C-alpha atoms as a PDB file:
ATOM      1  CA  MET A   1      21.432  34.065  -5.714  1.00  0.00           C
ATOM      2  CA  SER A   2      21.624  31.207  -7.954  1.00  0.00           C
ATOM      3  CA  GLU A   3      25.349  31.982  -8.297  1.00  0.00           C
ATOM      4  CA  TRP A   4      25.524  31.575  -4.472  1.00  0.00           C
ATOM      5  CA  LEU A   5      23.338  28.456  -4.573  1.00  0.00           C
ATOM      6  CA  GLN A   6      25.279  26.817  -7.559  1.00  0.00           C
ATOM      7  CA  LEU A   7      28.708  27.511  -5.381  1.00  0.00           C
ATOM      8  CA  PHE A   8      26.820  26.394  -2.476  1.00  0.00           C
ATOM      9  CA  VAL A   9      25.637  22.786  -4.130  1.00  0.00           C
ATOM     10  CA  ARG A  10      29.003  22.637  -5.505  1.00  0.00           C
ATOM     11  CA  TRP A  11      30.589  23.219  -2.118  1.00  0.00           C
ATOM     12  CA  THR A  12      29.018  20.381  -0.719  1.00  0.00           C
ATOM     13  CA  HIS A  13      29.399  17.998  -4.107  1.00  0.00           C
ATOM     14  CA  VAL A  14      32.503  18.136  -4.081  1.00  0.00           C
ATOM     15  CA  PHE A  15      32.956  17.596  -0.018  1.00  0.00           C
ATOM     16  CA  ALA A  16      31.102  15.172   0.148  1.00  0.00           C
ATOM     17  CA  ALA A  17      32.651  13.025  -2.991  1.00  0.00           C
ATOM     18  CA  ILE A  18      35.500  13.569  -0.351  1.00  0.00           C
ATOM     19  CA  LEU A  19      34.908  11.554   2.297  1.00  0.00           C
ATOM     20  CA  TRP A  20      32.923   9.324  -0.834  1.00  0.00           C
ATOM     21  CA  VAL A  21      35.502   8.497  -2.574  1.00  0.00           C
ATOM     22  CA  GLY A  22      38.253   8.544   0.685  1.00  0.00           C
ATOM     23  CA  THR A  23      36.343   6.323   3.100  1.00  0.00           C
ATOM     24  CA  THR A  24      35.945   3.689  -0.193  1.00  0.00           C
ATOM     25  CA  TYR A  25      39.690   3.469  -0.840  1.00  0.00           C
ATOM     26  CA  TYR A  26      40.514   3.579   3.089  1.00  0.00           C
ATOM     27  CA  PHE A  27      38.724   0.058   3.104  1.00  0.00           C
ATOM     28  CA  THR A  28      40.163  -0.866  -0.020  1.00  0.00           C
ATOM     29  CA  TRP A  29      43.248  -0.395   1.728  1.00  0.00           C
ATOM     30  CA  LEU A  30      42.541  -1.819   5.109  1.00  0.00           C
ATOM     31  CA  ASP A  31      41.363  -4.859   2.972  1.00  0.00           C
ATOM     32  CA  GLY A  32      45.061  -5.606   1.217  1.00  0.00           C
ATOM     33  CA  GLN A  33      46.791  -4.845   5.173  1.00  0.00           C
ATOM     34  CA  LEU A  34      44.742  -7.100   6.142  1.00  0.00           C
ATOM     35  CA  ARG A  35      44.759 -10.302   3.092  1.00  0.00           C
ATOM     36  CA  ALA A  36      49.004  -8.980   3.648  1.00  0.00           C
ATOM     37  CA  LEU A  37      49.092 -10.267   7.607  1.00  0.00           C
ATOM     38  CA  GLU A  38      46.898 -13.169   6.821  1.00  0.00           C
ATOM     39  CA  ALA A  39      49.304 -14.961   4.276  1.00  0.00           C
ATOM     40  CA  ARG A  40      51.779 -14.045   6.158  1.00  0.00           C
ATOM     41  CA  GLY A  41      50.629 -16.747   8.700  1.00  0.00           C
ATOM     42  CA  GLY A  42      48.666 -14.548  11.062  1.00  0.00           C
ATOM     43  CA  ALA A  43      45.083 -16.520  12.668  1.00  0.00           C
ATOM     44  CA  SER A  44      43.718 -12.594  13.671  1.00  0.00           C
ATOM     45  CA  PRO A  45      44.907 -10.442  11.601  1.00  0.00           C
ATOM     46  CA  ALA A  46      44.669  -6.412  13.045  1.00  0.00           C
ATOM     47  CA  VAL A  47      45.853  -3.641  11.476  1.00  0.00           C
ATOM     48  CA  TRP A  48      48.016  -1.076  13.425  1.00  0.00           C
ATOM     49  CA  MET A  49      47.605   2.512  13.357  1.00  0.00           C
ATOM     50  CA  LEU A  50      48.998   5.536  13.978  1.00  0.00           C
ATOM     51  CA  HIS A  51      46.774   9.051  13.897  1.00  0.00           C
ATOM     52  CA  SER A  52      46.042  12.817  15.503  1.00  0.00           C
ATOM     53  CA  GLY A  53      48.291  12.060  18.400  1.00  0.00           C
ATOM     54  CA  GLY A  54      46.987   8.102  19.306  1.00  0.00           C
ATOM     55  CA  PHE A  55      47.174   4.184  17.827  1.00  0.00           C
ATOM     56  CA  TYR A  56      44.264   2.661  16.375  1.00  0.00           C
ATOM     57  CA  THR A  57      43.989  -1.292  15.637  1.00  0.00           C
ATOM     58  CA  VAL A  58      41.337  -2.742  12.770  1.00  0.00           C
ATOM     59  CA  GLN A  59      40.336  -6.224  12.846  1.00  0.00           C
ATOM     60  CA  LYS A  60      38.014  -8.087  10.495  1.00  0.00           C
ATOM     61  CA  GLN A  61      34.913 -10.018  12.125  1.00  0.00           C
ATOM     62  CA  LYS A  62      33.066 -12.935  10.496  1.00  0.00           C
ATOM     63  CA  GLY A  63      30.340 -12.330  13.003  1.00  0.00           C
ATOM     64  CA  LEU A  64      28.453  -9.336  14.851  1.00  0.00           C
ATOM     65  CA  GLY A  65      29.570  -9.087  17.895  1.00  0.00           C
ATOM     66  CA  VAL A  66      27.749  -5.976  19.021  1.00  0.00           C
ATOM     67  CA  ALA A  67      23.981  -4.645  18.654  1.00  0.00           C
ATOM     68  CA  PRO A  68      22.967  -4.212  15.212  1.00  0.00           C
ATOM     69  CA  SER A  69      22.307  -0.591  16.147  1.00  0.00           C
ATOM     70  CA  GLU A  70      25.779  -0.595  17.172  1.00  0.00           C
ATOM     71  CA  VAL A  71      27.438  -1.166  13.297  1.00  0.00           C
ATOM     72  CA  HIS A  72      28.598   2.494  11.891  1.00  0.00           C
ATOM     73  CA  TRP A  73      27.277   2.811   8.235  1.00  0.00           C
ATOM     74  CA  PHE A  74      28.882   4.237   5.501  1.00  0.00           C
ATOM     75  CA  ARG A  75      25.810   5.378   3.674  1.00  0.00           C
ATOM     76  CA  TRP A  76      25.103   9.009   3.054  1.00  0.00           C
ATOM     77  CA  GLU A  77      27.834  10.380   1.621  1.00  0.00           C
ATOM     78  CA  ALA A  78      27.014   8.502  -1.795  1.00  0.00           C
ATOM     79  CA  MET A  79      23.573   9.591  -1.598  1.00  0.00           C
ATOM     80  CA  VAL A  80      24.685  13.006  -0.880  1.00  0.00           C
ATOM     81  CA  THR A  81      27.138  13.059  -3.248  1.00  0.00           C
ATOM     82  CA  TRP A  82      24.885  11.947  -5.988  1.00  0.00           C
ATOM     83  CA  VAL A  83      21.582  14.175  -5.319  1.00  0.00           C
ATOM     84  CA  SER A  84      23.940  17.344  -5.730  1.00  0.00           C
ATOM     85  CA  GLY A  85      25.368  16.312  -8.607  1.00  0.00           C
ATOM     86  CA  VAL A  86      22.345  15.582 -10.335  1.00  0.00           C
ATOM     87  CA  ALA A  87      22.011  19.160  -8.693  1.00  0.00           C
ATOM     88  CA  LEU A  88      24.417  20.930  -9.892  1.00  0.00           C
ATOM     89  CA  LEU A  89      23.632  19.147 -13.714  1.00  0.00           C
ATOM     90  CA  ILE A  90      20.310  20.420 -13.319  1.00  0.00           C
ATOM     91  CA  MET A  91      20.963  23.935 -12.553  1.00  0.00           C
ATOM     92  CA  VAL A  92      24.084  24.286 -14.873  1.00  0.00           C
ATOM     93  CA  TYR A  93      23.350  22.498 -17.535  1.00  0.00           C
ATOM     94  CA  TYR A  94      19.973  21.175 -18.662  1.00  0.00           C
ATOM     95  CA  THR A  95      18.813  24.950 -18.057  1.00  0.00           C
ATOM     96  CA  GLY A  96      22.514  26.758 -18.105  1.00  0.00           C
ATOM     97  CA  GLY A  97      22.278  26.442 -21.823  1.00  0.00           C
ATOM     98  CA  LEU A  98      25.491  24.249 -21.573  1.00  0.00           C
ATOM     99  CA  MET A  99      23.513  20.922 -23.411  1.00  0.00           C
ATOM    100  CA  VAL A 100      23.620  22.111 -27.469  1.00  0.00           C
ATOM    101  CA  SER A 101      25.182  24.533 -29.466  1.00  0.00           C
ATOM    102  CA  VAL A 102      23.725  28.218 -29.929  1.00  0.00           C
ATOM    103  CA  LEU A 103      25.346  28.185 -33.716  1.00  0.00           C
ATOM    104  CA  ASP A 104      24.567  25.172 -34.878  1.00  0.00           C
ATOM    105  CA  ALA A 105      22.084  22.612 -32.375  1.00  0.00           C
ATOM    106  CA  SER A 106      21.202  19.626 -34.039  1.00  0.00           C
ATOM    107  CA  VAL A 107      18.399  18.897 -31.564  1.00  0.00           C
ATOM    108  CA  SER A 108      16.541  21.199 -29.282  1.00  0.00           C
ATOM    109  CA  ASN A 109      17.208  22.116 -25.585  1.00  0.00           C
ATOM    110  CA  THR A 110      14.314  19.812 -25.117  1.00  0.00           C
ATOM    111  CA  THR A 111      16.065  16.215 -26.798  1.00  0.00           C
ATOM    112  CA  ALA A 112      19.361  17.095 -25.390  1.00  0.00           C
ATOM    113  CA  VAL A 113      18.301  16.974 -21.478  1.00  0.00           C
ATOM    114  CA  ALA A 114      15.779  13.497 -22.671  1.00  0.00           C
ATOM    115  CA  CYS A 115      18.617  12.260 -24.318  1.00  0.00           C
ATOM    116  CA  GLY A 116      21.940  12.919 -21.072  1.00  0.00           C
ATOM    117  CA  ALA A 117      19.462  11.684 -18.777  1.00  0.00           C
ATOM    118  CA  GLY A 118      18.202   8.312 -20.444  1.00  0.00           C
ATOM    119  CA  ALA A 119      21.268   7.990 -20.717  1.00  0.00           C
ATOM    120  CA  LEU A 120      22.697   7.359 -17.047  1.00  0.00           C
ATOM    121  CA  VAL A 121      19.659   5.685 -16.484  1.00  0.00           C
ATOM    122  CA  ALA A 122      20.173   2.976 -19.106  1.00  0.00           C
ATOM    123  CA  GLY A 123      23.745   3.344 -18.691  1.00  0.00           C
ATOM    124  CA  TRP A 124      23.232   1.848 -15.348  1.00  0.00           C
ATOM    125  CA  ILE A 125      21.074  -0.911 -16.476  1.00  0.00           C
ATOM    126  CA  VAL A 126      22.979  -1.542 -19.253  1.00  0.00           C
ATOM    127  CA  TYR A 127      26.240  -1.948 -16.859  1.00  0.00           C
ATOM    128  CA  ASP A 128      24.046  -3.935 -14.176  1.00  0.00           C
ATOM    129  CA  LEU A 129      23.022  -6.754 -16.346  1.00  0.00           C
ATOM    130  CA  LEU A 130      27.245  -6.505 -17.538  1.00  0.00           C
ATOM    131  CA  ALA A 131      27.827  -7.359 -13.729  1.00  0.00           C
ATOM    132  CA  ARG A 132      25.265 -10.006 -13.250  1.00  0.00           C
ATOM    133  CA  SER A 133      26.080 -11.979 -15.604  1.00  0.00           C
ATOM    134  CA  PRO A 134      29.509 -14.417 -16.597  1.00  0.00           C
ATOM    135  CA  ILE A 135      31.226 -12.002 -17.802  1.00  0.00           C
ATOM    136  CA  VAL A 136      31.751 -10.323 -14.366  1.00  0.00           C
ATOM    137  CA  ARG A 137      34.245 -13.338 -13.523  1.00  0.00           C
ATOM    138  CA  SER A 138      36.910 -12.505 -15.611  1.00  0.00           C
ATOM    139  CA  ASP A 139      38.265  -8.546 -14.295  1.00  0.00           C
ATOM    140  CA  TYR A 140      39.690  -7.889 -18.280  1.00  0.00           C
ATOM    141  CA  ALA A 141      37.085  -9.330 -20.361  1.00  0.00           C
ATOM    142  CA  PHE A 142      34.453  -7.221 -17.736  1.00  0.00           C
ATOM    143  CA  ALA A 143      36.778  -4.107 -18.015  1.00  0.00           C
ATOM    144  CA  VAL A 144      37.287  -4.630 -21.965  1.00  0.00           C
ATOM    145  CA  VAL A 145      33.625  -4.937 -23.047  1.00  0.00           C
ATOM    146  CA  ALA A 146      32.784  -1.908 -20.759  1.00  0.00           C
ATOM    147  CA  PHE A 147      35.259   0.365 -21.585  1.00  0.00           C
ATOM    148  CA  VAL A 148      34.196  -0.335 -25.647  1.00  0.00           C
ATOM    149  CA  LEU A 149      30.079  -0.050 -24.082  1.00  0.00           C
ATOM    150  CA  VAL A 150      31.398   4.131 -22.790  1.00  0.00           C
ATOM    151  CA  VAL A 151      33.263   4.652 -25.757  1.00  0.00           C
ATOM    152  CA  ALA A 152      30.421   3.741 -27.834  1.00  0.00           C
ATOM    153  CA  LEU A 153      28.525   6.034 -26.117  1.00  0.00           C
ATOM    154  CA  ALA A 154      30.233   8.962 -25.592  1.00  0.00           C
ATOM    155  CA  PHE A 155      30.597   9.089 -29.369  1.00  0.00           C
ATOM    156  CA  GLY A 156      27.184   9.029 -29.417  1.00  0.00           C
ATOM    157  CA  LEU A 157      25.812  11.934 -27.253  1.00  0.00           C
ATOM    158  CA  GLU A 158      28.512  13.897 -29.142  1.00  0.00           C
ATOM    159  CA  THR A 159      26.342  13.550 -31.912  1.00  0.00           C
ATOM    160  CA  VAL A 160      23.825  15.291 -29.500  1.00  0.00           C
ATOM    161  CA  LEU A 161      25.262  17.712 -27.270  1.00  0.00           C
ATOM    162  CA  ILE A 162      28.263  19.685 -27.205  1.00  0.00           C
ATOM    163  CA  PRO A 163      31.661  18.124 -26.205  1.00  0.00           C
ATOM    164  CA  ARG A 164      31.365  19.788 -22.643  1.00  0.00           C
ATOM    165  CA  ALA A 165      27.998  18.711 -22.094  1.00  0.00           C
ATOM    166  CA  THR A 166      29.332  14.688 -23.169  1.00  0.00           C
ATOM    167  CA  TYR A 167      31.872  14.796 -21.220  1.00  0.00           C
ATOM    168  CA  ILE A 168      29.806  15.878 -18.031  1.00  0.00           C
ATOM    169  CA  HIS A 169      27.480  12.915 -18.647  1.00  0.00           C
ATOM    170  CA  ILE A 170      30.238   9.737 -18.864  1.00  0.00           C
ATOM    171  CA  GLY A 171      31.269  11.621 -15.002  1.00  0.00           C
ATOM    172  CA  GLY A 172      27.678  11.434 -14.212  1.00  0.00           C
ATOM    173  CA  LEU A 173      27.171   8.382 -14.958  1.00  0.00           C
ATOM    174  CA  PHE A 174      29.646   6.952 -13.645  1.00  0.00           C
ATOM    175  CA  GLY A 175      28.601   8.432 -10.652  1.00  0.00           C
ATOM    176  CA  THR A 176      25.269   7.301 -11.100  1.00  0.00           C
ATOM    177  CA  ILE A 177      26.130   3.969 -10.842  1.00  0.00           C
ATOM    178  CA  MET A 178      28.312   3.921  -8.043  1.00  0.00           C
ATOM    179  CA  ALA A 179      25.650   5.882  -5.949  1.00  0.00           C
ATOM    180  CA  ALA A 180      23.515   2.624  -7.141  1.00  0.00           C
ATOM    181  CA  ASN A 181      25.687  -0.026  -6.801  1.00  0.00           C
ATOM    182  CA  VAL A 182      26.324   1.119  -2.677  1.00  0.00           C
ATOM    183  CA  TRP A 183      22.377   2.070  -1.943  1.00  0.00           C
ATOM    184  CA  MET A 184      21.230  -1.404  -4.014  1.00  0.00           C
ATOM    185  CA  ARG A 185      23.687  -4.302  -4.327  1.00  0.00           C
ATOM    186  CA  ILE A 186      26.313  -3.474  -1.550  1.00  0.00           C
ATOM    187  CA  LEU A 187      23.999  -1.690   1.154  1.00  0.00           C
ATOM    188  CA  PRO A 188      20.605  -4.451   0.719  1.00  0.00           C
ATOM    189  CA  PRO A 189      23.029  -7.538   1.274  1.00  0.00           C
ATOM    190  CA  GLN A 190      24.800  -5.791   4.155  1.00  0.00           C
ATOM    191  CA  ARG A 191      21.541  -5.371   6.036  1.00  0.00           C
ATOM    192  CA  ARG A 192      20.617  -9.101   5.293  1.00  0.00           C
ATOM    193  CA  MET A 193      24.335  -9.965   6.660  1.00  0.00           C
ATOM    194  CA  ILE A 194      23.549  -8.171  10.232  1.00  0.00           C
ATOM    195  CA  ALA A 195      19.653  -9.791  10.027  1.00  0.00           C
ATOM    196  CA  ALA A 196      21.263 -12.921   9.770  1.00  0.00           C
ATOM    197  CA  ALA A 197      23.712 -12.560  12.728  1.00  0.00           C
ATOM    198  CA  ALA A 198      21.134 -10.830  14.802  1.00  0.00           C
ATOM    199  CA  ARG A 199      19.109 -13.806  14.912  1.00  0.00           C
ATOM    200  CA  GLY A 200      21.908 -15.802  14.978  1.00  0.00           C
ATOM    201  CA  GLU A 201      22.617 -17.575  11.954  1.00  0.00           C
ATOM    202  CA  THR A 202      24.886 -18.808   9.422  1.00  0.00           C
ATOM    203  CA  ILE A 203      25.686 -15.798   7.264  1.00  0.00           C
ATOM    204  CA  ASP A 204      25.911 -16.381   3.460  1.00  0.00           C
ATOM    205  CA  PRO A 205      29.412 -15.763   2.484  1.00  0.00           C
ATOM    206  CA  THR A 206      27.898 -14.714  -1.885  1.00  0.00           C
ATOM    207  CA  LEU A 207      26.329 -11.653   0.178  1.00  0.00           C
ATOM    208  CA  GLY A 208      29.043 -10.342   1.456  1.00  0.00           C
ATOM    209  CA  ALA A 209      31.261 -11.702  -2.156  1.00  0.00           C
ATOM    210  CA  GLY A 210      28.418  -9.339  -4.058  1.00  0.00           C
ATOM    211  CA  ALA A 211      28.726  -6.095  -2.205  1.00  0.00           C
ATOM    212  CA  LYS A 212      32.776  -6.180  -2.648  1.00  0.00           C
ATOM    213  CA  GLU A 213      32.778  -7.448  -6.031  1.00  0.00           C
ATOM    214  CA  ARG A 214      30.730  -3.950  -6.666  1.00  0.00           C
ATOM    215  CA  SER A 215      32.420  -1.975  -4.015  1.00  0.00           C
ATOM    216  CA  LYS A 216      36.211  -2.783  -5.909  1.00  0.00           C
ATOM    217  CA  HIS A 217      33.831  -1.392  -9.426  1.00  0.00           C
ATOM    218  CA  ASN A 218      33.438   1.591  -7.767  1.00  0.00           C
ATOM    219  CA  THR A 219      37.061   2.161  -6.936  1.00  0.00           C
ATOM    220  CA  PHE A 220      37.894   1.457 -10.754  1.00  0.00           C
ATOM    221  CA  MET A 221      35.227   4.696 -11.341  1.00  0.00           C
ATOM    222  CA  ALA A 222      35.901   6.991  -8.944  1.00  0.00           C
ATOM    223  CA  VAL A 223      39.370   7.588 -10.539  1.00  0.00           C
ATOM    224  CA  PRO A 224      38.393   8.421 -14.437  1.00  0.00           C
ATOM    225  CA  THR A 225      35.190  10.676 -12.591  1.00  0.00           C
ATOM    226  CA  VAL A 226      37.603  12.844 -11.136  1.00  0.00           C
ATOM    227  CA  PHE A 227      39.275  13.210 -14.045  1.00  0.00           C
ATOM    228  CA  LEU A 228      35.533  13.324 -15.717  1.00  0.00           C
ATOM    229  CA  MET A 229      34.771  16.707 -13.668  1.00  0.00           C
ATOM    230  CA  VAL A 230      38.048  18.427 -13.738  1.00  0.00           C
ATOM    231  CA  SER A 231      38.289  18.605 -17.148  1.00  0.00           C
ATOM    232  CA  ASN A 232      35.601  21.454 -17.418  1.00  0.00           C
ATOM    233  CA  HIS A 233      38.907  23.648 -16.327  1.00  0.00           C
ATOM    234  CA  PHE A 234      40.931  22.568 -18.708  1.00  0.00           C
ATOM    235  CA  PRO A 235      38.982  22.793 -21.970  1.00  0.00           C
ATOM    236  CA  THR A 236      41.959  23.542 -24.652  1.00  0.00           C
ATOM    237  CA  ALA A 237      43.400  19.617 -23.255  1.00  0.00           C
ATOM    238  CA  THR A 238      40.055  18.077 -23.038  1.00  0.00           C
ATOM    239  CA  TYR A 239      36.077  18.866 -24.237  1.00  0.00           C
ATOM    240  CA  GLY A 240      37.543  21.630 -26.662  1.00  0.00           C
ATOM    241  CA  ASN A 241      39.962  19.487 -27.929  1.00  0.00           C
ATOM    242  CA  ARG A 242      38.856  18.730 -31.923  1.00  0.00           C
ATOM    243  CA  HIS A 243      39.468  14.741 -30.804  1.00  0.00           C
ATOM    244  CA  SER A 244      37.799  14.978 -27.904  1.00  0.00           C
ATOM    245  CA  VAL A 245      36.042  11.605 -27.686  1.00  0.00           C
ATOM    246  CA  VAL A 246      39.237   9.710 -27.827  1.00  0.00           C
ATOM    247  CA  ILE A 247      40.921  12.041 -25.245  1.00  0.00           C
ATOM    248  CA  LEU A 248      38.049  11.582 -22.467  1.00  0.00           C
ATOM    249  CA  SER A 249      38.539   7.918 -23.100  1.00  0.00           C
ATOM    250  CA  LEU A 250      42.177   7.890 -22.195  1.00  0.00           C
ATOM    251  CA  LEU A 251      41.228   9.809 -19.466  1.00  0.00           C
ATOM    252  CA  ILE A 252      39.422   6.672 -18.581  1.00  0.00           C
ATOM    253  CA  LEU A 253      41.790   4.083 -19.219  1.00  0.00           C
ATOM    254  CA  VAL A 254      44.073   5.995 -17.326  1.00  0.00           C
ATOM    255  CA  GLY A 255      41.927   6.546 -14.223  1.00  0.00           C
ATOM    256  CA  TRP A 256      41.317   2.551 -14.265  1.00  0.00           C
ATOM    257  CA  LEU A 257      45.166   1.973 -14.730  1.00  0.00           C
ATOM    258  CA  ALA A 258      45.781   4.624 -11.652  1.00  0.00           C
ATOM    259  CA  ALA A 259      43.006   3.249 -10.003  1.00  0.00           C
ATOM    260  CA  ALA A 260      44.771  -0.790  -9.744  1.00  0.00           C
ATOM    261  CA  ALA A 261      47.741   0.570  -8.482  1.00  0.00           C
ATOM    262  CA  ILE A 262      45.890   2.843  -6.202  1.00  0.00           C
ATOM    263  CA  ARG A 263      44.444  -1.083  -4.988  1.00  0.00           C
ATOM    264  CA  ARG A 264      47.769  -2.973  -5.133  1.00  0.00           C
ATOM    265  CA  ALA A 265      49.940  -0.173  -2.746  1.00  0.00           C
END
């Protein structure tokens, strides 16, 4: 029964993540296409697409032309991905004996679980403070500081957890930040935008800008998160290597570079 439950939760997690990340990158691509059309002098640019035997056109609006109830929100994909991910973390790691070494554990499983869960919460708080600070105005400075902090956390976790658990918690941290961004930093300002538009008021442009910044961060975290999640299937090359944290750091860098390339495609 436990194996069937894990299978169902894992399937839910993977499929929801496909929908979430796919939607995120679709809108990233769409914004890029619209910006390119605007740069070429288009007054009201529209992106034309062909899919499943039909033509589609998308045009970005500056106001709300329909009732708020008719606006489609992309939100539950993130929630389902995160909730199912936490469920897997509990089933496979916290209660599955994969947090500490059975031979030479330096701490108890309870302490290891507290450290792992605490890292997810503290990591979100630190990231959120960093994303609200002036350093966010420079993409490169923000990336350098974030990278140093993540690598430091990975080295710290590996003194308490086994490498496999360290990998999954860094991936889980990225996933937690991404989900929290959606529900706490992207959706709330969008609700205020819709409310203002429904009242016929001018929409505050800073609301959309803040949501866009967090969405951009999510596109950069998505790729290394996938790397870290699939690393469980390649123990020799990743967490089983004696330089596991160095490899983890390289996977994050490669993921960020890949995300940057995808965003420009």
